[in-house]
Amino acid sequence: MKKLFLLAVFAIVGLGANAQVIVDETNINDLDIKYVELVGRNKLGFGKIKIIVDFGQELKIFKSQAIRSADGTKAAFNSMIDGLNFMEANGWEFVSNYVIPASSAEGESEVRYILRKVK
């Protein structure tokens, strides 16, 4: 009986939990927006990447567009797929992606992902 009661309590608490995707101290899940654009950044070429999120916000010089964890630190992902899985788990679905070609012979092309908020 206790197990059934605990299961019911966890289920009710889980229904009230809100997904959070924090960008520049703003939970974008609380905003009235439908689409976001994701760009992965990794300056060293290996290791974790940070994901930049464009949700139509004004760009400011000293403000970061990177996803932040609940404690305010920039979230690091193993790959873009890791980031896409994070976004999907927080109420966003993949729509499309496109490539921005490198601007020089040494540069790398950039892949951007468009996501839509699940209703």
PDB file of N, CA and C in Angstrom:
ATOM      1  N   MET A   1       0.823  -1.193   0.000  1.00  0.00           N
ATOM      2  CA  MET A   1       0.000   0.000   0.000  1.00  0.00           C
ATOM      3  C   MET A   1       0.865   1.254   0.000  1.00  0.00           C
ATOM      4  N   LYS A   2       1.962   1.221   0.791  1.00  0.00           N
ATOM      5  CA  LYS A   2       2.852   2.381   0.835  1.00  0.00           C
ATOM      6  C   LYS A   2       3.470   2.638  -0.538  1.00  0.00           C
ATOM      7  N   LYS A   3       3.831   1.575  -1.249  1.00  0.00           N
ATOM      8  CA  LYS A   3       4.434   1.736  -2.572  1.00  0.00           C
ATOM      9  C   LYS A   3       3.452   2.383  -3.541  1.00  0.00           C
ATOM     10  N   LEU A   4       2.196   1.974  -3.469  1.00  0.00           N
ATOM     11  CA  LEU A   4       1.177   2.543  -4.336  1.00  0.00           C
ATOM     12  C   LEU A   4       0.972   4.019  -4.021  1.00  0.00           C
ATOM     13  N   PHE A   5       0.961   4.362  -2.742  1.00  0.00           N
ATOM     14  CA  PHE A   5       0.808   5.751  -2.324  1.00  0.00           C
ATOM     15  C   PHE A   5       1.979   6.589  -2.819  1.00  0.00           C
ATOM     16  N   LEU A   6       3.214   6.100  -2.643  1.00  0.00           N
ATOM     17  CA  LEU A   6       4.397   6.834  -3.103  1.00  0.00           C
ATOM     18  C   LEU A   6       4.392   7.005  -4.620  1.00  0.00           C
ATOM     19  N   LEU A   7       3.973   5.975  -5.340  1.00  0.00           N
ATOM     20  CA  LEU A   7       3.895   6.069  -6.786  1.00  0.00           C
ATOM     21  C   LEU A   7       2.899   7.150  -7.201  1.00  0.00           C
ATOM     22  N   ALA A   8       1.767   7.212  -6.529  1.00  0.00           N
ATOM     23  CA  ALA A   8       0.751   8.231  -6.830  1.00  0.00           C
ATOM     24  C   ALA A   8       1.283   9.635  -6.536  1.00  0.00           C
ATOM     25  N   VAL A   9       2.000   9.793  -5.430  1.00  0.00           N
ATOM     26  CA  VAL A   9       2.576  11.099  -5.075  1.00  0.00           C
ATOM     27  C   VAL A   9       3.584  11.537  -6.132  1.00  0.00           C
ATOM     28  N   PHE A  10       4.482  10.646  -6.541  1.00  0.00           N
ATOM     29  CA  PHE A  10       5.475  10.991  -7.564  1.00  0.00           C
ATOM     30  C   PHE A  10       4.814  11.337  -8.893  1.00  0.00           C
ATOM     31  N   ALA A  11       3.748  10.637  -9.232  1.00  0.00           N
ATOM     32  CA  ALA A  11       3.037  10.918 -10.484  1.00  0.00           C
ATOM     33  C   ALA A  11       2.411  12.304 -10.452  1.00  0.00           C
ATOM     34  N   ILE A  12       1.814  12.672  -9.337  1.00  0.00           N
ATOM     35  CA  ILE A  12       1.184  13.987  -9.206  1.00  0.00           C
ATOM     36  C   ILE A  12       2.242  15.085  -9.229  1.00  0.00           C
ATOM     37  N   VAL A  13       3.343  14.890  -8.527  1.00  0.00           N
ATOM     38  CA  VAL A  13       4.436  15.875  -8.525  1.00  0.00           C
ATOM     39  C   VAL A  13       5.008  16.015  -9.921  1.00  0.00           C
ATOM     40  N   GLY A  14       5.151  14.915 -10.632  1.00  0.00           N
ATOM     41  CA  GLY A  14       5.691  14.951 -11.992  1.00  0.00           C
ATOM     42  C   GLY A  14       4.813  15.734 -12.942  1.00  0.00           C
ATOM     43  N   LEU A  15       3.502  15.708 -12.746  1.00  0.00           N
ATOM     44  CA  LEU A  15       2.599  16.466 -13.603  1.00  0.00           C
ATOM     45  C   LEU A  15       2.787  17.961 -13.427  1.00  0.00           C
ATOM     46  N   GLY A  16       3.164  18.385 -12.234  1.00  0.00           N
ATOM     47  CA  GLY A  16       3.337  19.804 -11.973  1.00  0.00           C
ATOM     48  C   GLY A  16       4.706  20.330 -12.348  1.00  0.00           C
ATOM     49  N   ALA A  17       5.625  19.465 -12.696  1.00  0.00           N
ATOM     50  CA  ALA A  17       6.974  19.909 -13.028  1.00  0.00           C
ATOM     51  C   ALA A  17       6.982  20.569 -14.392  1.00  0.00           C
ATOM     52  N   ASN A  18       7.684  21.691 -14.485  1.00  0.00           N
ATOM     53  CA  ASN A  18       7.798  22.403 -15.746  1.00  0.00           C
ATOM     54  C   ASN A  18       9.169  22.179 -16.339  1.00  0.00           C
ATOM     55  N   ALA A  19       9.213  22.023 -17.650  1.00  0.00           N
ATOM     56  CA  ALA A  19      10.487  21.906 -18.352  1.00  0.00           C
ATOM     57  C   ALA A  19      11.148  23.277 -18.353  1.00  0.00           C
ATOM     58  N   GLN A  20      12.471  23.275 -18.261  1.00  0.00           N
ATOM     59  CA  GLN A  20      13.201  24.528 -18.262  1.00  0.00           C
ATOM     60  C   GLN A  20      14.341  24.475 -19.251  1.00  0.00           C
ATOM     61  N   VAL A  21      14.355  25.448 -20.139  1.00  0.00           N
ATOM     62  CA  VAL A  21      15.500  25.688 -21.008  1.00  0.00           C
ATOM     63  C   VAL A  21      15.876  27.134 -20.746  1.00  0.00           C
ATOM     64  N   ILE A  22      16.958  27.335 -19.988  1.00  0.00           N
ATOM     65  CA  ILE A  22      17.360  28.672 -19.559  1.00  0.00           C
ATOM     66  C   ILE A  22      18.371  29.244 -20.539  1.00  0.00           C
ATOM     67  N   VAL A  23      18.051  30.415 -21.094  1.00  0.00           N
ATOM     68  CA  VAL A  23      18.950  31.158 -21.976  1.00  0.00           C
ATOM     69  C   VAL A  23      18.978  32.586 -21.465  1.00  0.00           C
ATOM     70  N   ASP A  24      20.170  33.061 -21.103  1.00  0.00           N
ATOM     71  CA  ASP A  24      20.331  34.428 -20.589  1.00  0.00           C
ATOM     72  C   ASP A  24      19.340  34.714 -19.451  1.00  0.00           C
ATOM     73  N   GLU A  25      19.266  33.820 -18.487  1.00  0.00           N
ATOM     74  CA  GLU A  25      18.428  33.942 -17.293  1.00  0.00           C
ATOM     75  C   GLU A  25      16.932  33.931 -17.594  1.00  0.00           C
ATOM     76  N   THR A  26      16.544  33.456 -18.782  1.00  0.00           N
ATOM     77  CA  THR A  26      15.139  33.398 -19.170  1.00  0.00           C
ATOM     78  C   THR A  26      14.769  31.965 -19.514  1.00  0.00           C
ATOM     79  N   ASN A  27      13.689  31.477 -18.916  1.00  0.00           N
ATOM     80  CA  ASN A  27      13.176  30.157 -19.269  1.00  0.00           C
ATOM     81  C   ASN A  27      12.375  30.332 -20.553  1.00  0.00           C
ATOM     82  N   ILE A  28      12.953  29.908 -21.685  1.00  0.00           N
ATOM     83  CA  ILE A  28      12.291  30.143 -22.970  1.00  0.00           C
ATOM     84  C   ILE A  28      10.998  29.343 -23.112  1.00  0.00           C
ATOM     85  N   ASN A  29      10.807  28.321 -22.291  1.00  0.00           N
ATOM     86  CA  ASN A  29       9.550  27.563 -22.338  1.00  0.00           C
ATOM     87  C   ASN A  29       8.380  28.391 -21.825  1.00  0.00           C
ATOM     88  N   ASP A  30       8.663  29.430 -21.051  1.00  0.00           N
ATOM     89  CA  ASP A  30       7.610  30.296 -20.524  1.00  0.00           C
ATOM     90  C   ASP A  30       7.255  31.435 -21.474  1.00  0.00           C
ATOM     91  N   LEU A  31       8.044  31.620 -22.542  1.00  0.00           N
ATOM     92  CA  LEU A  31       7.807  32.708 -23.482  1.00  0.00           C
ATOM     93  C   LEU A  31       6.778  32.307 -24.535  1.00  0.00           C
ATOM     94  N   ASP A  32       6.144  33.302 -25.133  1.00  0.00           N
ATOM     95  CA  ASP A  32       5.173  33.063 -26.194  1.00  0.00           C
ATOM     96  C   ASP A  32       5.909  33.028 -27.539  1.00  0.00           C
ATOM     97  N   ILE A  33       6.687  31.966 -27.739  1.00  0.00           N
ATOM     98  CA  ILE A  33       7.429  31.774 -28.980  1.00  0.00           C
ATOM     99  C   ILE A  33       7.145  30.381 -29.509  1.00  0.00           C
ATOM    100  N   LYS A  34       7.269  30.202 -30.831  1.00  0.00           N
ATOM    101  CA  LYS A  34       7.021  28.896 -31.432  1.00  0.00           C
ATOM    102  C   LYS A  34       8.300  28.220 -31.877  1.00  0.00           C
ATOM    103  N   TYR A  35       9.293  28.997 -32.328  1.00  0.00           N
ATOM    104  CA  TYR A  35      10.488  28.425 -32.937  1.00  0.00           C
ATOM    105  C   TYR A  35      11.756  28.964 -32.295  1.00  0.00           C
ATOM    106  N   VAL A  36      12.791  28.135 -32.316  1.00  0.00           N
ATOM    107  CA  VAL A  36      14.137  28.556 -31.923  1.00  0.00           C
ATOM    108  C   VAL A  36      15.127  27.984 -32.930  1.00  0.00           C
ATOM    109  N   GLU A  37      16.295  28.588 -32.960  1.00  0.00           N
ATOM    110  CA  GLU A  37      17.380  28.101 -33.805  1.00  0.00           C
ATOM    111  C   GLU A  37      18.550  27.742 -32.900  1.00  0.00           C
ATOM    112  N   LEU A  38      19.134  26.559 -33.116  1.00  0.00           N
ATOM    113  CA  LEU A  38      20.273  26.100 -32.326  1.00  0.00           C
ATOM    114  C   LEU A  38      21.534  26.091 -33.181  1.00  0.00           C
ATOM    115  N   VAL A  39      22.638  26.535 -32.573  1.00  0.00           N
ATOM    116  CA  VAL A  39      23.949  26.490 -33.221  1.00  0.00           C
ATOM    117  C   VAL A  39      24.927  25.931 -32.207  1.00  0.00           C
ATOM    118  N   GLY A  40      25.669  24.885 -32.594  1.00  0.00           N
ATOM    119  CA  GLY A  40      26.679  24.306 -31.713  1.00  0.00           C
ATOM    120  C   GLY A  40      28.007  25.036 -31.880  1.00  0.00           C
ATOM    121  N   ARG A  41      28.682  25.302 -30.756  1.00  0.00           N
ATOM    122  CA  ARG A  41      29.975  25.980 -30.802  1.00  0.00           C
ATOM    123  C   ARG A  41      30.998  25.173 -30.021  1.00  0.00           C
ATOM    124  N   ASN A  42      32.142  24.956 -30.645  1.00  0.00           N
ATOM    125  CA  ASN A  42      33.260  24.267 -30.005  1.00  0.00           C
ATOM    126  C   ASN A  42      34.542  24.835 -30.597  1.00  0.00           C
ATOM    127  N   LYS A  43      35.166  25.748 -29.879  1.00  0.00           N
ATOM    128  CA  LYS A  43      36.337  26.439 -30.413  1.00  0.00           C
ATOM    129  C   LYS A  43      37.570  25.557 -30.500  1.00  0.00           C
ATOM    130  N   LEU A  44      37.653  24.534 -29.681  1.00  0.00           N
ATOM    131  CA  LEU A  44      38.848  23.693 -29.668  1.00  0.00           C
ATOM    132  C   LEU A  44      38.785  22.549 -30.681  1.00  0.00           C
ATOM    133  N   GLY A  45      37.625  22.231 -31.169  1.00  0.00           N
ATOM    134  CA  GLY A  45      37.491  21.160 -32.140  1.00  0.00           C
ATOM    135  C   GLY A  45      37.265  19.785 -31.530  1.00  0.00           C
ATOM    136  N   PHE A  46      37.293  19.666 -30.221  1.00  0.00           N
ATOM    137  CA  PHE A  46      37.031  18.395 -29.551  1.00  0.00           C
ATOM    138  C   PHE A  46      36.454  18.691 -28.177  1.00  0.00           C
ATOM    139  N   GLY A  47      35.925  17.674 -27.539  1.00  0.00           N
ATOM    140  CA  GLY A  47      35.356  17.842 -26.199  1.00  0.00           C
ATOM    141  C   GLY A  47      33.920  18.327 -26.247  1.00  0.00           C
ATOM    142  N   LYS A  48      33.453  18.856 -25.143  1.00  0.00           N
ATOM    143  CA  LYS A  48      32.067  19.300 -25.011  1.00  0.00           C
ATOM    144  C   LYS A  48      31.816  20.532 -25.879  1.00  0.00           C
ATOM    145  N   ILE A  49      30.550  20.713 -26.251  1.00  0.00           N
ATOM    146  CA  ILE A  49      30.168  21.897 -27.009  1.00  0.00           C
ATOM    147  C   ILE A  49      29.130  22.679 -26.220  1.00  0.00           C
ATOM    148  N   LYS A  50      29.030  23.967 -26.493  1.00  0.00           N
ATOM    149  CA  LYS A  50      27.931  24.746 -25.940  1.00  0.00           C
ATOM    150  C   LYS A  50      26.985  25.041 -27.093  1.00  0.00           C
ATOM    151  N   ILE A  51      25.729  25.144 -26.773  1.00  0.00           N
ATOM    152  CA  ILE A  51      24.717  25.365 -27.791  1.00  0.00           C
ATOM    153  C   ILE A  51      24.135  26.758 -27.612  1.00  0.00           C
ATOM    154  N   ILE A  52      24.214  27.522 -28.690  1.00  0.00           N
ATOM    155  CA  ILE A  52      23.680  28.872 -28.716  1.00  0.00           C
ATOM    156  C   ILE A  52      22.227  28.786 -29.184  1.00  0.00           C
ATOM    157  N   VAL A  53      21.327  29.524 -28.520  1.00  0.00           N
ATOM    158  CA  VAL A  53      19.907  29.495 -28.843  1.00  0.00           C
ATOM    159  C   VAL A  53      19.459  30.890 -29.269  1.00  0.00           C
ATOM    160  N   ASP A  54      18.893  30.965 -30.458  1.00  0.00           N
ATOM    161  CA  ASP A  54      18.303  32.211 -30.941  1.00  0.00           C
ATOM    162  C   ASP A  54      16.795  32.029 -30.905  1.00  0.00           C
ATOM    163  N   PHE A  55      16.132  32.800 -30.036  1.00  0.00           N
ATOM    164  CA  PHE A  55      14.674  32.731 -29.964  1.00  0.00           C
ATOM    165  C   PHE A  55      14.047  34.057 -30.354  1.00  0.00           C
ATOM    166  N   GLY A  56      14.846  34.913 -31.025  1.00  0.00           N
ATOM    167  CA  GLY A  56      14.352  36.218 -31.463  1.00  0.00           C
ATOM    168  C   GLY A  56      14.690  37.333 -30.495  1.00  0.00           C
ATOM    169  N   GLN A  57      15.527  37.036 -29.520  1.00  0.00           N
ATOM    170  CA  GLN A  57      15.888  38.028 -28.526  1.00  0.00           C
ATOM    171  C   GLN A  57      16.837  39.075 -29.103  1.00  0.00           C
ATOM    172  N   GLU A  58      16.882  40.234 -28.453  1.00  0.00           N
ATOM    173  CA  GLU A  58      17.843  41.271 -28.820  1.00  0.00           C
ATOM    174  C   GLU A  58      19.231  40.785 -28.429  1.00  0.00           C
ATOM    175  N   LEU A  59      20.177  40.900 -29.338  1.00  0.00           N
ATOM    176  CA  LEU A  59      21.541  40.465 -29.047  1.00  0.00           C
ATOM    177  C   LEU A  59      22.278  41.567 -28.306  1.00  0.00           C
ATOM    178  N   LYS A  60      22.884  41.215 -27.195  1.00  0.00           N
ATOM    179  CA  LYS A  60      23.626  42.169 -26.376  1.00  0.00           C
ATOM    180  C   LYS A  60      25.072  41.714 -26.287  1.00  0.00           C
ATOM    181  N   ILE A  61      25.990  42.651 -26.218  1.00  0.00           N
ATOM    182  CA  ILE A  61      27.423  42.350 -26.273  1.00  0.00           C
ATOM    183  C   ILE A  61      27.864  41.403 -25.166  1.00  0.00           C
ATOM    184  N   PHE A  62      27.482  41.649 -23.941  1.00  0.00           N
ATOM    185  CA  PHE A  62      27.992  40.854 -22.826  1.00  0.00           C
ATOM    186  C   PHE A  62      26.999  39.813 -22.306  1.00  0.00           C
ATOM    187  N   LYS A  63      25.981  39.523 -23.078  1.00  0.00           N
ATOM    188  CA  LYS A  63      25.009  38.508 -22.679  1.00  0.00           C
ATOM    189  C   LYS A  63      25.199  37.260 -23.535  1.00  0.00           C
ATOM    190  N   SER A  64      25.126  36.115 -22.913  1.00  0.00           N
ATOM    191  CA  SER A  64      25.323  34.852 -23.616  1.00  0.00           C
ATOM    192  C   SER A  64      23.991  34.280 -24.073  1.00  0.00           C
ATOM    193  N   GLN A  65      23.993  33.669 -25.245  1.00  0.00           N
ATOM    194  CA  GLN A  65      22.806  32.988 -25.758  1.00  0.00           C
ATOM    195  C   GLN A  65      22.888  31.491 -25.489  1.00  0.00           C
ATOM    196  N   ALA A  66      23.883  31.047 -24.734  1.00  0.00           N
ATOM    197  CA  ALA A  66      24.073  29.623 -24.470  1.00  0.00           C
ATOM    198  C   ALA A  66      23.028  29.112 -23.488  1.00  0.00           C
ATOM    199  N   ILE A  67      22.686  27.839 -23.621  1.00  0.00           N
ATOM    200  CA  ILE A  67      21.787  27.181 -22.668  1.00  0.00           C
ATOM    201  C   ILE A  67      22.507  27.083 -21.333  1.00  0.00           C
ATOM    202  N   ARG A  68      21.799  27.380 -20.270  1.00  0.00           N
ATOM    203  CA  ARG A  68      22.379  27.313 -18.927  1.00  0.00           C
ATOM    204  C   ARG A  68      21.670  26.233 -18.119  1.00  0.00           C
ATOM    205  N   SER A  69      22.410  25.647 -17.201  1.00  0.00           N
ATOM    206  CA  SER A  69      21.816  24.659 -16.308  1.00  0.00           C
ATOM    207  C   SER A  69      21.076  25.385 -15.190  1.00  0.00           C
ATOM    208  N   ALA A  70      20.394  24.652 -14.346  1.00  0.00           N
ATOM    209  CA  ALA A  70      19.604  25.246 -13.271  1.00  0.00           C
ATOM    210  C   ALA A  70      20.447  26.085 -12.322  1.00  0.00           C
ATOM    211  N   ASP A  71      21.740  25.746 -12.158  1.00  0.00           N
ATOM    212  CA  ASP A  71      22.598  26.520 -11.250  1.00  0.00           C
ATOM    213  C   ASP A  71      23.229  27.737 -11.926  1.00  0.00           C
ATOM    214  N   GLY A  72      22.899  27.998 -13.194  1.00  0.00           N
ATOM    215  CA  GLY A  72      23.375  29.188 -13.882  1.00  0.00           C
ATOM    216  C   GLY A  72      24.632  29.020 -14.710  1.00  0.00           C
ATOM    217  N   THR A  73      25.269  27.856 -14.648  1.00  0.00           N
ATOM    218  CA  THR A  73      26.475  27.638 -15.452  1.00  0.00           C
ATOM    219  C   THR A  73      26.076  27.239 -16.872  1.00  0.00           C
ATOM    220  N   LYS A  74      26.961  27.545 -17.828  1.00  0.00           N
ATOM    221  CA  LYS A  74      26.682  27.182 -19.212  1.00  0.00           C
ATOM    222  C   LYS A  74      26.644  25.663 -19.329  1.00  0.00           C
ATOM    223  N   ALA A  75      25.574  25.157 -19.913  1.00  0.00           N
ATOM    224  CA  ALA A  75      25.435  23.717 -20.090  1.00  0.00           C
ATOM    225  C   ALA A  75      26.361  23.254 -21.209  1.00  0.00           C
ATOM    226  N   ALA A  76      27.029  22.150 -20.992  1.00  0.00           N
ATOM    227  CA  ALA A  76      27.914  21.568 -22.002  1.00  0.00           C
ATOM    228  C   ALA A  76      27.318  20.250 -22.470  1.00  0.00           C
ATOM    229  N   PHE A  77      27.364  20.029 -23.771  1.00  0.00           N
ATOM    230  CA  PHE A  77      26.789  18.831 -24.363  1.00  0.00           C
ATOM    231  C   PHE A  77      27.883  18.045 -25.065  1.00  0.00           C
ATOM    232  N   ASN A  78      27.713  16.745 -25.167  1.00  0.00           N
ATOM    233  CA  ASN A  78      28.692  15.894 -25.851  1.00  0.00           C
ATOM    234  C   ASN A  78      28.682  16.116 -27.355  1.00  0.00           C
ATOM    235  N   SER A  79      27.520  16.456 -27.914  1.00  0.00           N
ATOM    236  CA  SER A  79      27.369  16.653 -29.349  1.00  0.00           C
ATOM    237  C   SER A  79      26.072  17.409 -29.585  1.00  0.00           C
ATOM    238  N   MET A  80      25.814  17.767 -30.845  1.00  0.00           N
ATOM    239  CA  MET A  80      24.546  18.420 -31.172  1.00  0.00           C
ATOM    240  C   MET A  80      23.379  17.469 -30.929  1.00  0.00           C
ATOM    241  N   ILE A  81      23.575  16.194 -31.164  1.00  0.00           N
ATOM    242  CA  ILE A  81      22.499  15.229 -30.906  1.00  0.00           C
ATOM    243  C   ILE A  81      22.159  15.207 -29.420  1.00  0.00           C
ATOM    244  N   ASP A  82      23.159  15.306 -28.562  1.00  0.00           N
ATOM    245  CA  ASP A  82      22.934  15.399 -27.120  1.00  0.00           C
ATOM    246  C   ASP A  82      22.082  16.636 -26.821  1.00  0.00           C
ATOM    247  N   GLY A  83      22.408  17.750 -27.453  1.00  0.00           N
ATOM    248  CA  GLY A  83      21.638  18.975 -27.271  1.00  0.00           C
ATOM    249  C   GLY A  83      20.224  18.864 -27.811  1.00  0.00           C
ATOM    250  N   LEU A  84      20.067  18.224 -28.970  1.00  0.00           N
ATOM    251  CA  LEU A  84      18.730  18.026 -29.528  1.00  0.00           C
ATOM    252  C   LEU A  84      17.893  17.122 -28.632  1.00  0.00           C
ATOM    253  N   ASN A  85      18.504  16.087 -28.065  1.00  0.00           N
ATOM    254  CA  ASN A  85      17.790  15.220 -27.127  1.00  0.00           C
ATOM    255  C   ASN A  85      17.366  16.000 -25.884  1.00  0.00           C
ATOM    256  N   PHE A  86      18.235  16.887 -25.390  1.00  0.00           N
ATOM    257  CA  PHE A  86      17.901  17.741 -24.248  1.00  0.00           C
ATOM    258  C   PHE A  86      16.694  18.614 -24.571  1.00  0.00           C
ATOM    259  N   MET A  87      16.707  19.238 -25.736  1.00  0.00           N
ATOM    260  CA  MET A  87      15.607  20.118 -26.119  1.00  0.00           C
ATOM    261  C   MET A  87      14.305  19.327 -26.287  1.00  0.00           C
ATOM    262  N   GLU A  88      14.381  18.139 -26.893  1.00  0.00           N
ATOM    263  CA  GLU A  88      13.197  17.306 -27.069  1.00  0.00           C
ATOM    264  C   GLU A  88      12.613  16.903 -25.717  1.00  0.00           C
ATOM    265  N   ALA A  89      13.475  16.590 -24.763  1.00  0.00           N
ATOM    266  CA  ALA A  89      13.017  16.212 -23.424  1.00  0.00           C
ATOM    267  C   ALA A  89      12.385  17.395 -22.695  1.00  0.00           C
ATOM    268  N   ASN A  90      12.654  18.607 -23.177  1.00  0.00           N
ATOM    269  CA  ASN A  90      12.118  19.809 -22.542  1.00  0.00           C
ATOM    270  C   ASN A  90      11.044  20.492 -23.384  1.00  0.00           C
ATOM    271  N   GLY A  91      10.400  19.734 -24.288  1.00  0.00           N
ATOM    272  CA  GLY A  91       9.221  20.246 -24.960  1.00  0.00           C
ATOM    273  C   GLY A  91       9.433  20.856 -26.331  1.00  0.00           C
ATOM    274  N   TRP A  92      10.537  20.537 -27.008  1.00  0.00           N
ATOM    275  CA  TRP A  92      10.813  21.070 -28.346  1.00  0.00           C
ATOM    276  C   TRP A  92      10.988  19.919 -29.318  1.00  0.00           C
ATOM    277  N   GLU A  93      10.567  20.126 -30.590  1.00  0.00           N
ATOM    278  CA  GLU A  93      10.735  19.081 -31.596  1.00  0.00           C
ATOM    279  C   GLU A  93      11.499  19.624 -32.801  1.00  0.00           C
ATOM    280  N   PHE A  94      12.282  18.751 -33.406  1.00  0.00           N
ATOM    281  CA  PHE A  94      13.081  19.093 -34.577  1.00  0.00           C
ATOM    282  C   PHE A  94      12.172  19.378 -35.768  1.00  0.00           C
ATOM    283  N   VAL A  95      12.478  20.459 -36.511  1.00  0.00           N
ATOM    284  CA  VAL A  95      11.727  20.806 -37.709  1.00  0.00           C
ATOM    285  C   VAL A  95      12.612  20.644 -38.936  1.00  0.00           C
ATOM    286  N   SER A  96      13.782  21.267 -38.910  1.00  0.00           N
ATOM    287  CA  SER A  96      14.651  21.284 -40.075  1.00  0.00           C
ATOM    288  C   SER A  96      16.062  21.692 -39.663  1.00  0.00           C
ATOM    289  N   ASN A  97      16.992  21.516 -40.595  1.00  0.00           N
ATOM    290  CA  ASN A  97      18.329  22.040 -40.391  1.00  0.00           C
ATOM    291  C   ASN A  97      18.855  22.556 -41.725  1.00  0.00           C
ATOM    292  N   TYR A  98      19.881  23.406 -41.662  1.00  0.00           N
ATOM    293  CA  TYR A  98      20.497  23.926 -42.870  1.00  0.00           C
ATOM    294  C   TYR A  98      21.962  24.215 -42.594  1.00  0.00           C
ATOM    295  N   VAL A  99      22.741  24.341 -43.657  1.00  0.00           N
ATOM    296  CA  VAL A  99      24.177  24.529 -43.542  1.00  0.00           C
ATOM    297  C   VAL A  99      24.555  25.922 -44.020  1.00  0.00           C
ATOM    298  N   ILE A 100      25.410  26.585 -43.243  1.00  0.00           N
ATOM    299  CA  ILE A 100      26.021  27.840 -43.672  1.00  0.00           C
ATOM    300  C   ILE A 100      27.442  27.487 -44.083  1.00  0.00           C
ATOM    301  N   PRO A 101      27.782  27.632 -45.370  1.00  0.00           N
ATOM    302  CA  PRO A 101      29.118  27.233 -45.841  1.00  0.00           C
ATOM    303  C   PRO A 101      30.226  28.049 -45.179  1.00  0.00           C
ATOM    304  N   ALA A 102      31.410  27.455 -45.102  1.00  0.00           N
ATOM    305  CA  ALA A 102      32.571  28.132 -44.530  1.00  0.00           C
ATOM    306  C   ALA A 102      32.899  29.358 -45.362  1.00  0.00           C
ATOM    307  N   SER A 103      33.339  30.419 -44.699  1.00  0.00           N
ATOM    308  CA  SER A 103      33.666  31.653 -45.406  1.00  0.00           C
ATOM    309  C   SER A 103      35.096  31.669 -45.939  1.00  0.00           C
ATOM    310  N   SER A 104      35.910  30.717 -45.498  1.00  0.00           N
ATOM    311  CA  SER A 104      37.285  30.621 -45.992  1.00  0.00           C
ATOM    312  C   SER A 104      37.663  29.153 -46.148  1.00  0.00           C
ATOM    313  N   ALA A 105      38.794  28.897 -46.787  1.00  0.00           N
ATOM    314  CA  ALA A 105      39.236  27.513 -47.005  1.00  0.00           C
ATOM    315  C   ALA A 105      39.518  26.797 -45.692  1.00  0.00           C
ATOM    316  N   GLU A 106      39.992  27.514 -44.674  1.00  0.00           N
ATOM    317  CA  GLU A 106      40.316  26.891 -43.381  1.00  0.00           C
ATOM    318  C   GLU A 106      39.111  26.776 -42.461  1.00  0.00           C
ATOM    319  N   GLY A 107      38.060  27.542 -42.752  1.00  0.00           N
ATOM    320  CA  GLY A 107      36.894  27.554 -41.878  1.00  0.00           C
ATOM    321  C   GLY A 107      36.058  26.296 -42.010  1.00  0.00           C
ATOM    322  N   GLU A 108      35.149  26.113 -41.065  1.00  0.00           N
ATOM    323  CA  GLU A 108      34.246  24.966 -41.088  1.00  0.00           C
ATOM    324  C   GLU A 108      32.836  25.443 -41.379  1.00  0.00           C
ATOM    325  N   SER A 109      32.089  24.619 -42.085  1.00  0.00           N
ATOM    326  CA  SER A 109      30.678  24.917 -42.306  1.00  0.00           C
ATOM    327  C   SER A 109      29.954  24.819 -40.968  1.00  0.00           C
ATOM    328  N   GLU A 110      28.834  25.516 -40.872  1.00  0.00           N
ATOM    329  CA  GLU A 110      28.065  25.519 -39.631  1.00  0.00           C
ATOM    330  C   GLU A 110      26.675  24.970 -39.910  1.00  0.00           C
ATOM    331  N   VAL A 111      26.238  24.020 -39.109  1.00  0.00           N
ATOM    332  CA  VAL A 111      24.897  23.454 -39.256  1.00  0.00           C
ATOM    333  C   VAL A 111      24.013  24.068 -38.178  1.00  0.00           C
ATOM    334  N   ARG A 112      22.869  24.558 -38.598  1.00  0.00           N
ATOM    335  CA  ARG A 112      21.916  25.156 -37.669  1.00  0.00           C
ATOM    336  C   ARG A 112      20.634  24.328 -37.676  1.00  0.00           C
ATOM    337  N   TYR A 113      19.993  24.270 -36.528  1.00  0.00           N
ATOM    338  CA  TYR A 113      18.806  23.437 -36.360  1.00  0.00           C
ATOM    339  C   TYR A 113      17.627  24.319 -35.948  1.00  0.00           C
ATOM    340  N   ILE A 114      16.497  24.083 -36.586  1.00  0.00           N
ATOM    341  CA  ILE A 114      15.257  24.789 -36.250  1.00  0.00           C
ATOM    342  C   ILE A 114      14.384  23.821 -35.457  1.00  0.00           C
ATOM    343  N   LEU A 115      13.888  24.308 -34.304  1.00  0.00           N
ATOM    344  CA  LEU A 115      13.022  23.508 -33.440  1.00  0.00           C
ATOM    345  C   LEU A 115      11.710  24.252 -33.214  1.00  0.00           C
ATOM    346  N   ARG A 116      10.660  23.505 -32.972  1.00  0.00           N
ATOM    347  CA  ARG A 116       9.332  24.060 -32.694  1.00  0.00           C
ATOM    348  C   ARG A 116       8.880  23.602 -31.310  1.00  0.00           C
ATOM    349  N   LYS A 117       8.238  24.511 -30.577  1.00  0.00           N
ATOM    350  CA  LYS A 117       7.712  24.157 -29.263  1.00  0.00           C
ATOM    351  C   LYS A 117       6.523  23.230 -29.428  1.00  0.00           C
ATOM    352  N   VAL A 118       6.534  22.128 -28.689  1.00  0.00           N
ATOM    353  CA  VAL A 118       5.422  21.177 -28.697  1.00  0.00           C
ATOM    354  C   VAL A 118       4.315  21.767 -27.839  1.00  0.00           C
ATOM    355  N   LYS A 119       3.091  21.702 -28.345  1.00  0.00           N
ATOM    356  CA  LYS A 119       1.961  22.308 -27.612  1.00  0.00           C
ATOM    357  C   LYS A 119       1.489  21.445 -26.500  1.00  0.00           C
TER     358      LYS A 119
END
